[in-house]
Amino acid sequence: MTAVSNRTLGGRALFGIPAWQCYLIACAVPAALAPFFLSSQWAHTAVNVAIAYTSAALACWRYRTGRGVPRAWLWIGAGIALNASGGISESISVTVLNSDAYPTAADVFYLAIYPCVSIGLLMIVRRRHPGTGKLKLIDAGTLIVGIGLLCWVYLIEPNAGAADSLLARIVNIAYPVGDLMLLAILVRVLTAGGWRTPTVRLVLGMLVAFLLGDITWSIINQLGWSTNNAGDATINTVFIAAYALLGAAALHPSARELDSSIPSEQGRISRPMLAMLSLASLVAPGVLIGEAISGQVKDGVVIGICSAQLTGLVLARMGFLVSQLQSQSAKLRDLTLEDPLTGLPNRRALQAHLANSLELARRNSQPLSLVMLDLDHFKRFNDEFGHVAGDHLLKSVSAAWTGQLRSIDLLARVGGEEFVLVLPNTCVRDAEVVLTRLQGVTPLGQTFSAGIAAWDGVALHEELIEAADEAMYRAKRHGRNRVERAASSAI
């Protein structure tokens, strides 16, 4: 018989069910029963406050444990608690004071959720996504402008004109503006990536629930509909879900991961994100077409401003991608011409450079020497000290030899321990002097065998390499640690 852990926070609470799931189940029961069995406003408020305060307490517990991003949990928990306190204030105004005035003190509590939750979420975003790249910010800006235009046309502007007093208009505008703040943070998290962490998903679910609830009430108020207690309880179920999701997020073990940063994936875009960016770019023309069909374009200035912003963001994204593509192409080109271990030119780069050097030597009637170098007993060195030490030797040799050469000389790595040295305007005798210097700086007392071939003004670069290669193997046959000249090379 398997024993069940008795931990209740972040572990398994009942019959092997994680604590965060148990909490969601416990919150779902009163939320589901409220529309049918709780008929008074105080009963609805009691359910809201009980779940909200419990979730806020769990967020404070997460703050006390110091895991994840502690202060962020404190801010979010405070926002939830204040928002639920607005229900108490509203119930007092309606049932005790018999007042239907608007706005009331309850709106102060309701609105407090926006700055508190925004501050907490921004702390999480900054910790998890430090230095998020420009491309992600451009994507976030595109989505925010598109969503902001919709909020203005269908939420902010209608609510601003639906109130009699200036204070009521300010409060009416504050709700959709607060929702827009939360939407902006939601977009920021989605575009930055890393939202697959369970705790982050639960927090995002909380945001979505609050937004759905606010939008529902906004539509009801704009249409002038009236609701009864059962209707209010049904709509409030969305807010109860938001409160419960916060408590589940605080309980989830993945909350400990919120203090670890996630690297930004520049240049990558998922299909859902591409679809959202496409829709955001079409918001402005879509709204304009809708108003034109209705026979009254009343938001032309706002639509024009948003269209200009969206166009600028799209152009910025295209410019960023083109710049990134050019940079990647340059890096790829460098990689195809560079030895990955030593950073020296590889065989392909050598061929292009040697062809140009021979042409320059022909035009200026200058000598040119080509040297093949091979480290002696390199396999034995690898067997004795290991391949890591062998790689280190190759890098050290490359750096030491390069430091003894002129800027017009070229040292390339063409094989495991084989190198080619191109010496423009250098005769065979001067090339031997250069090789003496190289032998003196070769690390770890290693030696090399070399073959020198002087260009006769006629041979192809493949023939020149072959001649130097034959001379180098002759040096190896004659005992290594020596330099041989190609048969056709003059002094």
Protein backbone atom coordinates (compact mmCIF):
# COMPACT_ATOMS: atom_id res chain seq x y z
CA MET A 1 0.00 0.00 0.00
CA THR A 2 1.45 3.30 -1.10
CA ALA A 3 1.57 6.07 1.47
CA VAL A 4 0.27 9.51 0.49
CA SER A 5 2.38 12.54 1.39
CA ASN A 6 0.85 14.75 4.04
CA ARG A 7 2.26 17.97 2.66
CA THR A 8 -0.40 20.49 1.77
CA LEU A 9 1.51 23.35 0.18
CA GLY A 10 3.18 22.72 -3.15
CA GLY A 11 2.95 18.96 -2.67
CA ARG A 12 0.12 16.37 -2.67
CA ALA A 13 -2.83 17.12 -0.45
CA LEU A 14 -5.51 14.47 -0.83
CA PHE A 15 -5.50 11.03 -2.46
CA GLY A 16 -2.44 11.95 -4.46
CA ILE A 17 -4.08 15.07 -5.99
CA PRO A 18 -1.74 18.10 -6.00
CA ALA A 19 -2.67 20.87 -3.59
CA TRP A 20 -3.24 23.43 -6.34
CA GLN A 21 -5.79 21.17 -8.03
CA CYS A 22 -7.54 20.50 -4.72
CA TYR A 23 -7.78 24.25 -4.20
CA LEU A 24 -9.37 24.78 -7.61
CA ILE A 25 -11.88 22.02 -6.90
CA ALA A 26 -12.70 23.51 -3.49
CA CYS A 27 -13.31 26.93 -5.06
CA ALA A 28 -15.35 25.51 -7.93
CA VAL A 29 -18.04 24.07 -5.64
CA PRO A 30 -19.36 27.33 -4.08
CA ALA A 31 -18.86 29.16 -7.38
CA ALA A 32 -21.04 26.64 -9.19
CA LEU A 33 -23.75 26.66 -6.51
CA ALA A 34 -23.88 30.45 -6.05
CA PRO A 35 -26.23 31.25 -8.99
CA PHE A 36 -28.77 28.66 -7.79
CA PHE A 37 -28.70 28.67 -3.99
CA LEU A 38 -27.32 32.07 -2.94
CA SER A 39 -30.03 34.66 -3.46
CA SER A 40 -28.72 37.67 -1.53
CA GLN A 41 -25.98 40.07 -2.47
CA TRP A 42 -24.25 39.46 0.85
CA ALA A 43 -24.09 35.74 0.11
CA HIS A 44 -22.43 36.41 -3.25
CA THR A 45 -20.04 38.84 -1.60
CA ALA A 46 -19.17 36.31 1.10
CA VAL A 47 -18.18 33.69 -1.48
CA ASN A 48 -16.12 36.22 -3.45
CA VAL A 49 -14.36 37.58 -0.38
CA ALA A 50 -13.67 34.15 1.13
CA ILE A 51 -11.99 32.84 -2.03
CA ALA A 52 -10.21 36.12 -2.82
CA TYR A 53 -8.84 36.55 0.70
CA THR A 54 -7.71 32.92 0.79
CA SER A 55 -5.91 33.33 -2.53
CA ALA A 56 -4.35 36.58 -1.30
CA ALA A 57 -3.19 34.75 1.85
CA LEU A 58 -1.61 32.03 -0.30
CA ALA A 59 0.15 34.71 -2.34
CA CYS A 60 1.45 36.23 0.90
CA TRP A 61 2.57 32.75 1.98
CA ARG A 62 4.52 32.46 -1.25
CA TYR A 63 6.02 35.88 -0.44
CA ARG A 64 6.99 34.69 3.03
CA THR A 65 8.74 31.59 1.66
CA GLY A 66 10.98 33.82 -0.46
CA ARG A 67 10.62 31.51 -3.45
CA GLY A 68 10.05 32.71 -7.01
CA VAL A 69 9.68 36.51 -7.11
CA PRO A 70 8.56 37.29 -3.52
CA ARG A 71 7.49 40.93 -3.82
CA ALA A 72 5.53 40.19 -6.98
CA TRP A 73 3.30 37.78 -5.04
CA LEU A 74 2.72 40.43 -2.38
CA TRP A 75 1.61 43.02 -4.95
CA ILE A 76 -0.68 40.61 -6.80
CA GLY A 77 -2.19 39.32 -3.55
CA ALA A 78 -2.83 42.88 -2.37
CA GLY A 79 -4.58 43.71 -5.65
CA ILE A 80 -6.85 40.68 -5.35
CA ALA A 81 -7.71 41.43 -1.72
CA LEU A 82 -8.51 45.07 -2.48
CA ASN A 83 -10.65 44.11 -5.46
CA ALA A 84 -12.69 41.71 -3.33
CA SER A 85 -13.03 44.37 -0.64
CA GLY A 86 -14.84 46.45 -3.22
CA GLY A 87 -17.67 43.91 -3.03
CA ILE A 88 -18.00 44.54 0.71
CA SER A 89 -18.11 48.29 0.14
CA GLU A 90 -20.70 47.92 -2.61
CA SER A 91 -22.89 45.64 -0.50
CA ILE A 92 -22.82 48.19 2.34
CA SER A 93 -23.81 50.99 -0.06
CA VAL A 94 -26.69 49.02 -1.58
CA THR A 95 -28.12 47.09 1.36
CA VAL A 96 -27.25 49.30 4.32
CA LEU A 97 -27.13 52.85 2.96
CA ASN A 98 -29.70 52.18 0.20
CA SER A 99 -27.59 54.27 -2.16
CA ASP A 100 -27.40 53.81 -5.92
CA ALA A 101 -24.95 56.67 -6.44
CA TYR A 102 -22.12 56.26 -8.93
CA PRO A 103 -19.20 56.21 -8.54
CA THR A 104 -18.77 55.01 -4.95
CA ALA A 105 -15.94 54.05 -2.63
CA ALA A 106 -16.25 50.52 -4.01
CA ASP A 107 -14.78 51.68 -7.31
CA VAL A 108 -11.59 52.71 -5.53
CA PHE A 109 -11.18 49.13 -4.30
CA TYR A 110 -12.15 47.63 -7.65
CA LEU A 111 -9.69 49.83 -9.55
CA ALA A 112 -6.85 49.10 -7.11
CA ILE A 113 -6.35 45.71 -8.74
CA TYR A 114 -4.93 47.25 -11.91
CA PRO A 115 -1.83 49.03 -10.54
CA CYS A 116 -1.13 46.35 -7.93
CA VAL A 117 -1.38 43.38 -10.28
CA SER A 118 0.46 45.28 -13.04
CA ILE A 119 3.40 46.02 -10.73
CA GLY A 120 3.57 42.40 -9.60
CA LEU A 121 3.37 41.00 -13.12
CA LEU A 122 6.01 43.41 -14.40
CA MET A 123 8.34 42.20 -11.63
CA ILE A 124 7.86 38.65 -12.85
CA VAL A 125 8.37 39.64 -16.49
CA ARG A 126 11.56 41.56 -15.72
CA ARG A 127 12.98 38.65 -13.71
CA ARG A 128 12.08 35.97 -16.24
CA HIS A 129 12.87 37.93 -19.40
CA PRO A 130 15.79 40.29 -18.71
CA GLY A 131 16.86 42.28 -21.72
CA THR A 132 14.16 40.92 -24.01
CA GLY A 133 15.19 41.69 -27.57
CA LYS A 134 13.90 44.41 -29.85
CA LEU A 135 11.99 41.96 -32.03
CA LYS A 136 9.84 40.81 -29.10
CA LEU A 137 9.16 44.42 -28.12
CA ILE A 138 8.11 45.22 -31.68
CA ASP A 139 5.72 42.26 -31.66
CA ALA A 140 4.30 43.33 -28.31
CA GLY A 141 3.87 46.90 -29.57
CA THR A 142 2.00 45.68 -32.65
CA LEU A 143 -0.45 43.66 -30.58
CA ILE A 144 -0.93 46.41 -28.02
CA VAL A 145 -1.70 49.05 -30.66
CA GLY A 146 -4.25 46.78 -32.33
CA ILE A 147 -5.92 45.84 -29.04
CA GLY A 148 -5.73 49.44 -27.83
CA LEU A 149 -7.65 50.66 -30.89
CA LEU A 150 -10.40 48.11 -30.24
CA CYS A 151 -10.54 49.15 -26.58
CA TRP A 152 -10.83 52.81 -27.52
CA VAL A 153 -13.53 52.37 -30.14
CA TYR A 154 -15.71 49.86 -28.30
CA LEU A 155 -14.95 50.38 -24.58
CA ILE A 156 -13.19 53.61 -23.64
CA GLU A 157 -14.91 56.13 -25.92
CA PRO A 158 -18.46 54.78 -25.37
CA ASN A 159 -17.94 54.64 -21.58
CA ALA A 160 -16.59 58.18 -21.54
CA GLY A 161 -19.81 59.51 -23.02
CA ALA A 162 -22.16 57.31 -20.98
CA ALA A 163 -21.85 59.23 -17.71
CA ASP A 164 -23.26 62.53 -16.53
CA SER A 165 -20.52 63.82 -14.21
CA LEU A 166 -16.81 64.27 -14.86
CA LEU A 167 -15.92 61.91 -11.99
CA ALA A 168 -18.19 59.21 -13.40
CA ARG A 169 -16.59 59.60 -16.82
CA ILE A 170 -13.12 59.28 -15.32
CA VAL A 171 -14.14 56.10 -13.49
CA ASN A 172 -15.81 54.71 -16.61
CA ILE A 173 -12.62 55.28 -18.58
CA ALA A 174 -10.40 53.91 -15.80
CA TYR A 175 -11.83 50.39 -16.05
CA PRO A 176 -11.06 49.78 -19.76
CA VAL A 177 -7.73 51.58 -19.42
CA GLY A 178 -6.87 49.24 -16.54
CA ASP A 179 -7.92 46.29 -18.67
CA LEU A 180 -5.68 47.59 -21.42
CA MET A 181 -2.76 47.68 -18.96
CA LEU A 182 -3.34 44.04 -18.09
CA LEU A 183 -3.70 43.17 -21.77
CA ALA A 184 -0.39 44.86 -22.51
CA ILE A 185 1.36 42.77 -19.86
CA LEU A 186 -0.39 39.63 -21.12
CA VAL A 187 0.88 40.38 -24.62
CA ARG A 188 4.35 41.07 -23.25
CA VAL A 189 4.47 37.62 -21.62
CA LEU A 190 3.13 35.85 -24.70
CA THR A 191 5.61 37.49 -27.07
CA ALA A 192 8.57 37.00 -24.74
CA GLY A 193 7.99 33.24 -24.46
CA GLY A 194 8.35 31.11 -21.36
CA TRP A 195 4.60 31.14 -20.69
CA ARG A 196 4.47 27.34 -20.68
CA THR A 197 5.49 27.24 -17.01
CA PRO A 198 2.35 26.05 -15.14
CA THR A 199 2.38 28.88 -12.62
CA VAL A 200 2.66 31.46 -15.39
CA ARG A 201 -0.23 29.80 -17.22
CA LEU A 202 -2.39 29.98 -14.10
CA VAL A 203 -1.55 33.68 -13.64
CA LEU A 204 -2.34 34.35 -17.30
CA GLY A 205 -5.64 32.50 -16.83
CA MET A 206 -6.39 34.85 -13.93
CA LEU A 207 -5.79 37.84 -16.21
CA VAL A 208 -8.01 36.46 -18.95
CA ALA A 209 -10.81 35.78 -16.43
CA PHE A 210 -10.67 39.35 -15.10
CA LEU A 211 -10.70 40.75 -18.62
CA LEU A 212 -13.70 38.62 -19.62
CA GLY A 213 -15.58 39.70 -16.52
CA ASP A 214 -14.86 43.39 -17.06
CA ILE A 215 -15.79 43.22 -20.75
CA THR A 216 -19.05 41.45 -19.89
CA TRP A 217 -20.05 44.14 -17.39
CA SER A 218 -19.00 46.87 -19.83
CA ILE A 219 -21.23 45.47 -22.56
CA ILE A 220 -24.15 45.08 -20.14
CA ASN A 221 -23.78 48.68 -18.95
CA GLN A 222 -23.51 50.06 -22.49
CA LEU A 223 -26.66 48.22 -23.59
CA GLY A 224 -28.53 49.25 -20.47
CA TRP A 225 -29.45 45.72 -19.47
CA SER A 226 -30.53 44.93 -15.92
CA THR A 227 -29.52 41.79 -14.04
CA ASN A 228 -30.95 39.92 -11.07
CA ASN A 229 -29.07 38.19 -8.28
CA ALA A 230 -28.75 34.95 -10.23
CA GLY A 231 -27.34 36.83 -13.23
CA ASP A 232 -24.92 38.76 -11.06
CA ALA A 233 -23.79 35.51 -9.44
CA THR A 234 -23.26 33.91 -12.84
CA ILE A 235 -21.09 36.79 -14.03
CA ASN A 236 -19.26 36.91 -10.71
CA THR A 237 -18.31 33.27 -11.23
CA VAL A 238 -15.75 34.56 -13.74
CA PHE A 239 -14.15 36.74 -11.07
CA ILE A 240 -14.24 33.85 -8.57
CA ALA A 241 -12.34 31.79 -11.15
CA ALA A 242 -9.76 34.58 -11.37
CA TYR A 243 -9.32 34.63 -7.60
CA ALA A 244 -9.02 30.83 -7.48
CA LEU A 245 -6.44 30.73 -10.27
CA LEU A 246 -4.18 33.06 -8.30
CA GLY A 247 -4.31 30.76 -5.26
CA ALA A 248 -3.57 27.75 -7.45
CA ALA A 249 -0.64 29.59 -9.03
CA ALA A 250 0.82 30.33 -5.59
CA LEU A 251 0.42 26.69 -4.57
CA HIS A 252 1.90 25.19 -7.72
CA PRO A 253 5.49 23.91 -7.24
CA SER A 254 6.59 25.64 -10.45
CA ALA A 255 6.21 28.98 -8.65
CA ARG A 256 9.78 28.37 -7.48
CA GLU A 257 10.94 28.74 -11.08
CA LEU A 258 9.77 32.33 -11.47
CA ASP A 259 13.14 33.68 -10.30
CA SER A 260 14.99 31.98 -13.16
CA SER A 261 15.48 33.94 -16.35
CA ILE A 262 14.54 32.58 -19.77
CA PRO A 263 16.77 33.45 -22.73
CA SER A 264 15.08 35.33 -25.53
CA GLU A 265 14.73 33.44 -28.80
CA GLN A 266 15.41 36.12 -31.32
CA GLY A 267 14.07 35.64 -34.83
CA ARG A 268 11.74 32.73 -34.01
CA ILE A 269 8.01 33.18 -34.40
CA SER A 270 5.31 30.60 -33.89
CA ARG A 271 2.29 30.23 -36.13
CA PRO A 272 -0.17 31.41 -33.44
CA MET A 273 1.95 34.51 -32.87
CA LEU A 274 2.12 35.17 -36.62
CA ALA A 275 -1.68 34.86 -36.78
CA MET A 276 -2.09 37.32 -33.88
CA LEU A 277 0.28 39.82 -35.48
CA SER A 278 -1.61 39.55 -38.77
CA LEU A 279 -4.94 40.16 -37.03
CA ALA A 280 -3.52 43.11 -35.07
CA SER A 281 -2.27 44.69 -38.30
CA LEU A 282 -5.77 44.37 -39.80
CA VAL A 283 -7.60 45.94 -36.83
CA ALA A 284 -7.31 49.55 -38.07
CA PRO A 285 -8.61 48.92 -41.63
CA GLY A 286 -11.27 46.57 -40.20
CA VAL A 287 -12.58 49.22 -37.80
CA LEU A 288 -12.52 51.85 -40.56
CA ILE A 289 -14.49 49.59 -42.91
CA GLY A 290 -17.01 48.83 -40.17
CA GLU A 291 -17.61 52.51 -39.42
CA ALA A 292 -17.81 53.33 -43.14
CA ILE A 293 -20.48 50.65 -43.64
CA SER A 294 -22.44 52.04 -40.69
CA GLY A 295 -22.41 55.43 -42.43
CA GLN A 296 -20.41 57.36 -39.81
CA VAL A 297 -16.63 57.43 -39.46
CA LYS A 298 -16.36 58.93 -35.99
CA ASP A 299 -12.90 57.66 -35.00
CA GLY A 300 -10.99 58.64 -38.13
CA VAL A 301 -8.20 60.48 -36.31
CA VAL A 302 -7.59 57.63 -33.86
CA ILE A 303 -7.73 55.05 -36.65
CA GLY A 304 -5.24 57.08 -38.69
CA ILE A 305 -2.81 57.39 -35.78
CA CYS A 306 -3.01 53.66 -35.03
CA SER A 307 -2.59 52.83 -38.72
CA ALA A 308 0.59 54.91 -38.85
CA GLN A 309 1.90 53.23 -35.71
CA LEU A 310 1.13 49.75 -37.04
CA THR A 311 2.79 50.56 -40.36
CA GLY A 312 5.89 51.81 -38.56
CA LEU A 313 6.03 48.69 -36.37
CA VAL A 314 5.64 46.38 -39.36
CA LEU A 315 8.41 48.23 -41.22
CA ALA A 316 10.61 48.08 -38.10
CA ARG A 317 10.06 44.33 -37.85
CA MET A 318 10.89 43.84 -41.52
CA GLY A 319 14.02 45.97 -41.17
CA PHE A 320 15.10 44.04 -38.07
CA LEU A 321 14.61 40.71 -39.82
CA VAL A 322 16.52 41.87 -42.90
CA SER A 323 19.38 43.10 -40.71
CA GLN A 324 19.36 39.83 -38.78
CA LEU A 325 19.35 37.82 -42.01
CA GLN A 326 22.32 39.80 -43.34
CA SER A 327 24.21 39.28 -40.08
CA GLN A 328 23.51 35.54 -40.11
CA SER A 329 24.56 35.32 -43.75
CA ALA A 330 27.84 37.06 -42.94
CA LYS A 331 28.43 34.68 -40.01
CA LEU A 332 27.65 31.70 -42.22
CA ARG A 333 30.04 32.98 -44.85
CA ASP A 334 32.75 33.41 -42.24
CA LEU A 335 32.14 29.91 -40.93
CA THR A 336 32.56 28.42 -44.39
CA LEU A 337 35.95 30.14 -44.71
CA GLU A 338 37.19 29.64 -41.14
CA ASP A 339 38.54 26.65 -39.25
CA PRO A 340 36.22 26.26 -36.22
CA LEU A 341 38.97 25.13 -33.82
CA THR A 342 41.79 27.58 -34.46
CA GLY A 343 39.95 30.43 -36.17
CA LEU A 344 42.46 30.29 -39.04
CA PRO A 345 41.38 30.32 -42.70
CA ASN A 346 40.44 26.85 -43.94
CA ARG A 347 41.26 25.10 -47.22
CA ARG A 348 38.53 26.93 -49.16
CA ALA A 349 39.74 30.33 -47.94
CA LEU A 350 43.31 29.31 -48.76
CA GLN A 351 42.47 28.52 -52.38
CA ALA A 352 40.77 31.87 -52.94
CA HIS A 353 43.58 33.80 -51.22
CA LEU A 354 46.35 31.91 -53.02
CA ALA A 355 44.81 32.52 -56.44
CA ASN A 356 44.66 36.26 -55.72
CA SER A 357 48.21 36.29 -54.32
CA LEU A 358 49.61 34.55 -57.42
CA GLU A 359 47.89 37.04 -59.70
CA LEU A 360 49.30 39.95 -57.67
CA ALA A 361 52.79 38.42 -57.75
CA ARG A 362 52.56 37.98 -61.54
CA ARG A 363 51.51 41.62 -62.08
CA ASN A 364 54.26 43.02 -59.85
CA SER A 365 56.92 40.47 -60.87
CA GLN A 366 57.47 39.57 -57.22
CA PRO A 367 58.51 36.22 -55.69
CA LEU A 368 56.09 34.13 -53.65
CA SER A 369 56.79 31.14 -51.43
CA LEU A 370 54.35 28.55 -50.18
CA VAL A 371 55.09 26.37 -47.14
CA MET A 372 53.44 23.14 -45.98
CA LEU A 373 53.89 22.51 -42.23
CA ASP A 374 53.02 19.39 -40.26
CA LEU A 375 53.43 19.00 -36.48
CA ASP A 376 55.71 16.06 -35.65
CA HIS A 377 54.32 13.08 -33.72
CA PHE A 378 50.96 14.77 -33.16
CA LYS A 379 49.14 11.44 -32.93
CA ARG A 380 51.49 10.33 -30.19
CA PHE A 381 50.85 13.60 -28.34
CA ASN A 382 47.09 12.97 -28.55
CA ASP A 383 47.44 9.42 -27.32
CA GLU A 384 49.57 10.48 -24.38
CA PHE A 385 47.78 13.63 -23.24
CA GLY A 386 44.28 13.30 -24.76
CA HIS A 387 42.39 15.01 -27.53
CA VAL A 388 41.52 18.04 -25.41
CA ALA A 389 45.22 18.72 -24.90
CA GLY A 390 45.77 18.14 -28.61
CA ASP A 391 43.14 20.74 -29.49
CA HIS A 392 44.72 23.16 -27.05
CA LEU A 393 48.11 22.58 -28.69
CA LEU A 394 46.71 23.33 -32.15
CA LYS A 395 45.15 26.58 -30.92
CA SER A 396 48.36 27.58 -29.13
CA VAL A 397 50.48 26.82 -32.20
CA SER A 398 48.16 28.85 -34.42
CA ALA A 399 48.29 31.86 -32.10
CA ALA A 400 52.09 31.66 -31.65
CA TRP A 401 52.84 31.34 -35.36
CA THR A 402 50.39 34.07 -36.36
CA GLY A 403 52.19 36.47 -34.01
CA GLN A 404 55.42 36.03 -36.04
CA LEU A 405 53.91 36.80 -39.45
CA ARG A 406 53.29 39.94 -41.46
CA SER A 407 49.83 41.26 -42.19
CA ILE A 408 50.19 40.21 -45.84
CA ASP A 409 51.09 36.60 -44.91
CA LEU A 410 48.42 33.93 -44.58
CA LEU A 411 48.47 30.93 -42.27
CA ALA A 412 45.73 28.37 -42.94
CA ARG A 413 44.83 25.04 -41.37
CA VAL A 414 44.09 22.44 -44.03
CA GLY A 415 44.01 19.21 -42.01
CA GLY A 416 44.34 17.72 -38.53
CA GLU A 417 47.87 18.98 -37.83
CA GLU A 418 48.69 20.32 -41.29
CA PHE A 419 49.08 24.01 -42.05
CA VAL A 420 49.85 26.06 -45.16
CA LEU A 421 51.76 29.32 -45.08
CA VAL A 422 51.54 31.78 -47.99
CA LEU A 423 54.42 34.30 -48.03
CA PRO A 424 54.02 36.98 -50.72
CA ASN A 425 57.12 38.86 -51.92
CA THR A 426 59.31 36.25 -50.19
CA CYS A 427 62.05 34.09 -51.69
CA VAL A 428 62.92 30.59 -50.45
CA ARG A 429 65.83 31.80 -48.32
CA ASP A 430 63.66 34.40 -46.55
CA ALA A 431 60.97 31.77 -46.08
CA GLU A 432 63.50 29.59 -44.25
CA VAL A 433 64.24 32.50 -41.92
CA VAL A 434 60.52 32.80 -41.17
CA LEU A 435 60.31 29.07 -40.42
CA THR A 436 63.25 29.35 -38.02
CA ARG A 437 61.28 31.99 -36.09
CA LEU A 438 58.19 29.79 -36.06
CA GLN A 439 60.16 26.82 -34.74
CA GLY A 440 61.43 28.98 -31.89
CA VAL A 441 57.92 29.91 -30.69
CA THR A 442 56.22 26.53 -31.15
CA PRO A 443 54.66 25.69 -27.75
CA LEU A 444 55.47 22.76 -25.45
CA GLY A 445 58.74 22.02 -27.19
CA GLN A 446 56.94 20.58 -30.21
CA THR A 447 58.61 20.48 -33.62
CA PHE A 448 57.36 20.49 -37.19
CA SER A 449 58.41 19.35 -40.63
CA ALA A 450 58.06 21.78 -43.52
CA GLY A 451 58.33 21.91 -47.28
CA ILE A 452 58.92 25.12 -49.24
CA ALA A 453 57.92 25.69 -52.85
CA ALA A 454 58.73 28.90 -54.71
CA TRP A 455 56.39 29.99 -57.46
CA ASP A 456 57.95 30.06 -60.90
CA GLY A 457 55.40 32.45 -62.39
CA VAL A 458 53.73 29.69 -64.40
CA ALA A 459 52.53 26.89 -62.08
CA LEU A 460 48.91 26.71 -60.99
CA HIS A 461 48.16 27.07 -57.31
CA GLU A 462 47.26 23.34 -57.08
CA GLU A 463 50.68 22.48 -58.52
CA LEU A 464 52.40 24.81 -56.07
CA ILE A 465 50.65 23.17 -53.12
CA GLU A 466 51.53 19.71 -54.42
CA ALA A 467 55.21 20.64 -54.74
CA ALA A 468 55.34 21.99 -51.17
CA ASP A 469 53.50 18.91 -49.92
CA GLU A 470 56.05 16.56 -51.53
CA ALA A 471 58.88 18.54 -49.96
CA MET A 472 57.20 18.37 -46.55
CA TYR A 473 56.87 14.55 -46.73
CA ARG A 474 60.50 14.32 -47.75
CA ALA A 475 61.37 16.24 -44.56
CA LYS A 476 59.43 13.68 -42.55
CA ARG A 477 61.19 10.77 -44.24
CA HIS A 478 64.55 12.37 -43.48
CA GLY A 479 63.94 12.43 -39.73
CA ARG A 480 61.37 15.24 -39.09
CA ASN A 481 62.04 18.58 -37.40
CA ARG A 482 63.54 19.93 -40.61
CA VAL A 483 62.75 22.01 -43.70
CA GLU A 484 63.03 20.77 -47.28
CA ARG A 485 62.80 22.73 -50.51
CA ALA A 486 60.79 21.58 -53.49
CA ALA A 487 62.95 20.31 -56.32
CA SER A 488 62.05 23.22 -58.61
CA SER A 489 62.53 25.96 -56.02
CA ALA A 490 65.48 28.29 -56.50
CA ILE A 491 67.48 30.03 -53.83
